[in-house]
Amino acid sequence: MDNAIKASCRNGEILMNIHEKGIELIDYGCGLKKTSADQKEYAEGFGFGLHIVREIASAHGWIVKIENHDSRGVRAQILFNES
């Protein structure tokens, strides 16, 4: 959530969806730098926060997805396991 607030434009919108399959957070900032999928977490602007989220999610069997959203912004998802 902190990264979404920092990345969004002034008076920008941040959407958070919570449902039985997981959590989705969308900001309308500048998006991710163009890097390979494996390098996204190391691109400028990503610190320990994403690493901690991925470690916690992994311990629970959840999946973390971070991707550019539409023409700008980022979609971050934590998908719960189906069990």
N, C-alpha and C. Protein backbone atom coordinates (compact mmCIF):
# COMPACT_ATOMS: atom_id res chain seq x y z
N MET A 1 0.83 -1.18 0.00
CA MET A 1 0.00 0.00 0.00
C MET A 1 0.88 1.25 0.00
N ASP A 2 1.96 1.23 0.77
CA ASP A 2 2.85 2.38 0.85
C ASP A 2 3.43 2.71 -0.53
N ASN A 3 3.88 1.69 -1.27
CA ASN A 3 4.42 1.93 -2.61
C ASN A 3 3.36 2.51 -3.54
N ALA A 4 2.13 2.04 -3.42
CA ALA A 4 1.04 2.54 -4.27
C ALA A 4 0.79 4.02 -4.00
N ILE A 5 0.82 4.40 -2.73
CA ILE A 5 0.60 5.80 -2.37
C ILE A 5 1.73 6.67 -2.91
N LYS A 6 2.97 6.21 -2.74
CA LYS A 6 4.13 6.98 -3.22
C LYS A 6 4.14 7.11 -4.75
N ALA A 7 3.69 6.08 -5.46
CA ALA A 7 3.77 6.07 -6.92
C ALA A 7 2.62 6.79 -7.60
N SER A 8 1.52 6.97 -6.91
CA SER A 8 0.34 7.58 -7.53
C SER A 8 0.50 9.08 -7.69
N CYS A 9 -0.19 9.60 -8.68
CA CYS A 9 -0.20 11.04 -8.91
C CYS A 9 -0.94 11.74 -7.77
N ARG A 10 -0.68 13.02 -7.64
CA ARG A 10 -1.38 13.79 -6.62
C ARG A 10 -2.89 13.65 -6.82
N ASN A 11 -3.60 13.40 -5.76
CA ASN A 11 -5.04 13.16 -5.79
C ASN A 11 -5.38 11.95 -6.66
N GLY A 12 -4.42 11.05 -6.82
CA GLY A 12 -4.62 9.86 -7.63
C GLY A 12 -5.51 8.85 -6.92
N GLU A 13 -5.90 7.86 -7.67
CA GLU A 13 -6.80 6.83 -7.16
C GLU A 13 -6.01 5.53 -6.97
N ILE A 14 -6.27 4.87 -5.85
CA ILE A 14 -5.71 3.55 -5.57
C ILE A 14 -6.89 2.63 -5.29
N LEU A 15 -6.92 1.52 -6.00
CA LEU A 15 -8.02 0.57 -5.83
C LEU A 15 -7.51 -0.65 -5.06
N MET A 16 -8.29 -1.12 -4.10
CA MET A 16 -7.97 -2.35 -3.39
C MET A 16 -9.20 -3.25 -3.45
N ASN A 17 -8.99 -4.45 -3.97
CA ASN A 17 -10.05 -5.45 -4.04
C ASN A 17 -9.67 -6.62 -3.15
N ILE A 18 -10.55 -7.00 -2.27
CA ILE A 18 -10.32 -8.16 -1.41
C ILE A 18 -11.46 -9.14 -1.68
N HIS A 19 -11.09 -10.36 -2.06
CA HIS A 19 -12.10 -11.36 -2.36
C HIS A 19 -11.57 -12.73 -1.95
N GLU A 20 -12.37 -13.75 -2.12
CA GLU A 20 -12.00 -15.09 -1.65
C GLU A 20 -10.76 -15.66 -2.34
N LYS A 21 -10.44 -15.19 -3.53
CA LYS A 21 -9.26 -15.71 -4.25
C LYS A 21 -7.98 -14.94 -3.92
N GLY A 22 -8.10 -13.77 -3.29
CA GLY A 22 -6.90 -13.02 -2.95
C GLY A 22 -7.15 -11.53 -2.78
N ILE A 23 -6.05 -10.79 -2.84
CA ILE A 23 -6.06 -9.34 -2.67
C ILE A 23 -5.41 -8.72 -3.90
N GLU A 24 -6.01 -7.63 -4.38
CA GLU A 24 -5.47 -6.92 -5.55
C GLU A 24 -5.39 -5.44 -5.22
N LEU A 25 -4.25 -4.84 -5.54
CA LEU A 25 -4.02 -3.42 -5.31
C LEU A 25 -3.57 -2.80 -6.64
N ILE A 26 -4.24 -1.74 -7.07
CA ILE A 26 -3.91 -1.08 -8.33
C ILE A 26 -3.66 0.40 -8.06
N ASP A 27 -2.50 0.90 -8.53
CA ASP A 27 -2.25 2.34 -8.47
C ASP A 27 -2.15 2.87 -9.89
N TYR A 28 -2.20 4.16 -10.02
CA TYR A 28 -2.13 4.79 -11.34
C TYR A 28 -0.92 5.71 -11.43
N GLY A 29 0.24 5.20 -11.01
CA GLY A 29 1.50 5.93 -11.07
C GLY A 29 2.20 5.69 -12.39
N CYS A 30 3.54 5.68 -12.35
CA CYS A 30 4.34 5.58 -13.57
C CYS A 30 4.56 4.14 -14.01
N GLY A 31 4.18 3.16 -13.23
CA GLY A 31 4.34 1.77 -13.63
C GLY A 31 5.74 1.25 -13.33
N LEU A 32 5.99 0.01 -13.73
CA LEU A 32 7.28 -0.64 -13.52
C LEU A 32 8.23 -0.29 -14.65
N LYS A 33 9.51 -0.25 -14.34
CA LYS A 33 10.50 -0.08 -15.41
C LYS A 33 10.50 -1.33 -16.25
N LYS A 34 10.89 -1.19 -17.51
CA LYS A 34 10.93 -2.33 -18.42
C LYS A 34 12.13 -3.21 -18.09
N THR A 35 11.87 -4.31 -17.38
CA THR A 35 12.90 -5.29 -17.04
C THR A 35 12.29 -6.66 -17.21
N SER A 36 13.09 -7.68 -17.10
CA SER A 36 12.53 -9.03 -17.19
C SER A 36 11.71 -9.31 -15.94
N ALA A 37 10.82 -10.26 -16.01
CA ALA A 37 9.94 -10.58 -14.89
C ALA A 37 10.72 -10.90 -13.63
N ASP A 38 11.86 -11.58 -13.75
CA ASP A 38 12.65 -11.95 -12.59
C ASP A 38 13.35 -10.76 -11.95
N GLN A 39 13.52 -9.68 -12.69
CA GLN A 39 14.24 -8.52 -12.18
C GLN A 39 13.32 -7.44 -11.64
N LYS A 40 12.03 -7.57 -11.77
CA LYS A 40 11.11 -6.52 -11.36
C LYS A 40 11.29 -6.14 -9.90
N GLU A 41 11.51 -7.12 -9.04
CA GLU A 41 11.62 -6.79 -7.62
C GLU A 41 12.88 -5.98 -7.32
N TYR A 42 13.86 -5.98 -8.22
CA TYR A 42 15.09 -5.24 -7.99
C TYR A 42 15.12 -3.90 -8.71
N ALA A 43 14.09 -3.59 -9.48
CA ALA A 43 14.04 -2.31 -10.17
C ALA A 43 13.96 -1.18 -9.14
N GLU A 44 14.37 0.01 -9.54
CA GLU A 44 14.36 1.14 -8.63
C GLU A 44 12.97 1.31 -8.01
N GLY A 45 12.93 1.55 -6.73
CA GLY A 45 11.67 1.76 -6.05
C GLY A 45 11.19 0.56 -5.26
N PHE A 46 11.75 -0.62 -5.51
CA PHE A 46 11.37 -1.80 -4.75
C PHE A 46 12.48 -2.10 -3.75
N GLY A 47 12.15 -2.09 -2.46
CA GLY A 47 13.12 -2.38 -1.42
C GLY A 47 12.80 -3.68 -0.74
N PHE A 48 12.93 -3.69 0.56
CA PHE A 48 12.68 -4.90 1.34
C PHE A 48 11.21 -5.28 1.39
N GLY A 49 10.32 -4.34 1.20
CA GLY A 49 8.88 -4.60 1.34
C GLY A 49 8.37 -5.72 0.46
N LEU A 50 8.69 -5.68 -0.82
CA LEU A 50 8.23 -6.72 -1.74
C LEU A 50 8.85 -8.06 -1.39
N HIS A 51 10.11 -8.06 -1.00
CA HIS A 51 10.77 -9.30 -0.60
C HIS A 51 10.07 -9.92 0.60
N ILE A 52 9.73 -9.10 1.58
CA ILE A 52 9.04 -9.59 2.78
C ILE A 52 7.67 -10.14 2.41
N VAL A 53 6.94 -9.42 1.57
CA VAL A 53 5.61 -9.89 1.13
C VAL A 53 5.73 -11.24 0.44
N ARG A 54 6.72 -11.37 -0.45
CA ARG A 54 6.90 -12.65 -1.17
C ARG A 54 7.27 -13.78 -0.22
N GLU A 55 8.08 -13.52 0.78
CA GLU A 55 8.46 -14.56 1.75
C GLU A 55 7.25 -15.01 2.57
N ILE A 56 6.45 -14.08 3.03
CA ILE A 56 5.25 -14.42 3.80
C ILE A 56 4.26 -15.19 2.92
N ALA A 57 4.04 -14.70 1.71
CA ALA A 57 3.13 -15.38 0.80
C ALA A 57 3.60 -16.80 0.51
N SER A 58 4.88 -16.95 0.25
CA SER A 58 5.45 -18.27 -0.05
C SER A 58 5.25 -19.23 1.12
N ALA A 59 5.42 -18.74 2.34
CA ALA A 59 5.25 -19.58 3.53
C ALA A 59 3.82 -20.11 3.65
N HIS A 60 2.86 -19.37 3.08
CA HIS A 60 1.45 -19.77 3.12
C HIS A 60 1.00 -20.47 1.85
N GLY A 61 1.91 -20.61 0.87
CA GLY A 61 1.54 -21.23 -0.40
C GLY A 61 0.80 -20.29 -1.33
N TRP A 62 0.90 -18.97 -1.10
CA TRP A 62 0.25 -17.98 -1.94
C TRP A 62 1.17 -17.56 -3.06
N ILE A 63 0.61 -16.91 -4.08
CA ILE A 63 1.37 -16.42 -5.23
C ILE A 63 1.29 -14.90 -5.25
N VAL A 64 2.43 -14.25 -5.50
CA VAL A 64 2.48 -12.79 -5.63
C VAL A 64 2.75 -12.45 -7.09
N LYS A 65 1.92 -11.58 -7.66
CA LYS A 65 2.10 -11.11 -9.04
C LYS A 65 2.17 -9.59 -9.03
N ILE A 66 3.19 -9.05 -9.70
CA ILE A 66 3.35 -7.60 -9.84
C ILE A 66 3.50 -7.33 -11.34
N GLU A 67 2.66 -6.46 -11.89
CA GLU A 67 2.73 -6.18 -13.32
C GLU A 67 2.21 -4.78 -13.62
N ASN A 68 2.62 -4.26 -14.78
CA ASN A 68 2.08 -2.98 -15.22
C ASN A 68 0.59 -3.16 -15.49
N HIS A 69 -0.15 -2.09 -15.21
CA HIS A 69 -1.61 -2.13 -15.38
C HIS A 69 -2.02 -1.14 -16.47
N ASP A 70 -2.65 -1.65 -17.50
CA ASP A 70 -3.11 -0.82 -18.61
C ASP A 70 -1.97 0.07 -19.12
N SER A 71 -2.24 1.33 -19.37
CA SER A 71 -1.22 2.21 -19.94
C SER A 71 -0.30 2.81 -18.88
N ARG A 72 -0.69 2.77 -17.61
CA ARG A 72 0.16 3.28 -16.54
C ARG A 72 -0.28 2.66 -15.22
N GLY A 73 0.60 2.70 -14.26
CA GLY A 73 0.29 2.16 -12.96
C GLY A 73 0.71 0.71 -12.82
N VAL A 74 0.47 0.17 -11.63
CA VAL A 74 0.89 -1.19 -11.30
C VAL A 74 -0.27 -1.94 -10.65
N ARG A 75 -0.38 -3.22 -11.01
CA ARG A 75 -1.32 -4.12 -10.35
C ARG A 75 -0.50 -5.11 -9.53
N ALA A 76 -0.77 -5.16 -8.24
CA ALA A 76 -0.12 -6.12 -7.35
C ALA A 76 -1.20 -7.06 -6.83
N GLN A 77 -0.95 -8.36 -6.94
CA GLN A 77 -1.92 -9.35 -6.49
C GLN A 77 -1.26 -10.35 -5.54
N ILE A 78 -1.99 -10.75 -4.53
CA ILE A 78 -1.63 -11.88 -3.68
C ILE A 78 -2.77 -12.86 -3.87
N LEU A 79 -2.46 -13.99 -4.49
CA LEU A 79 -3.46 -15.01 -4.80
C LEU A 79 -3.36 -16.14 -3.80
N PHE A 80 -4.46 -16.42 -3.11
CA PHE A 80 -4.48 -17.47 -2.11
C PHE A 80 -4.54 -18.84 -2.76
N ASN A 81 -4.04 -19.85 -2.07
CA ASN A 81 -4.13 -21.20 -2.61
C ASN A 81 -5.56 -21.68 -2.53
N GLU A 82 -5.90 -22.65 -3.32
CA GLU A 82 -7.29 -23.11 -3.47
C GLU A 82 -7.71 -24.15 -2.44
N SER A 83 -6.81 -24.54 -1.55
CA SER A 83 -7.16 -25.61 -0.61
C SER A 83 -8.08 -25.17 0.48
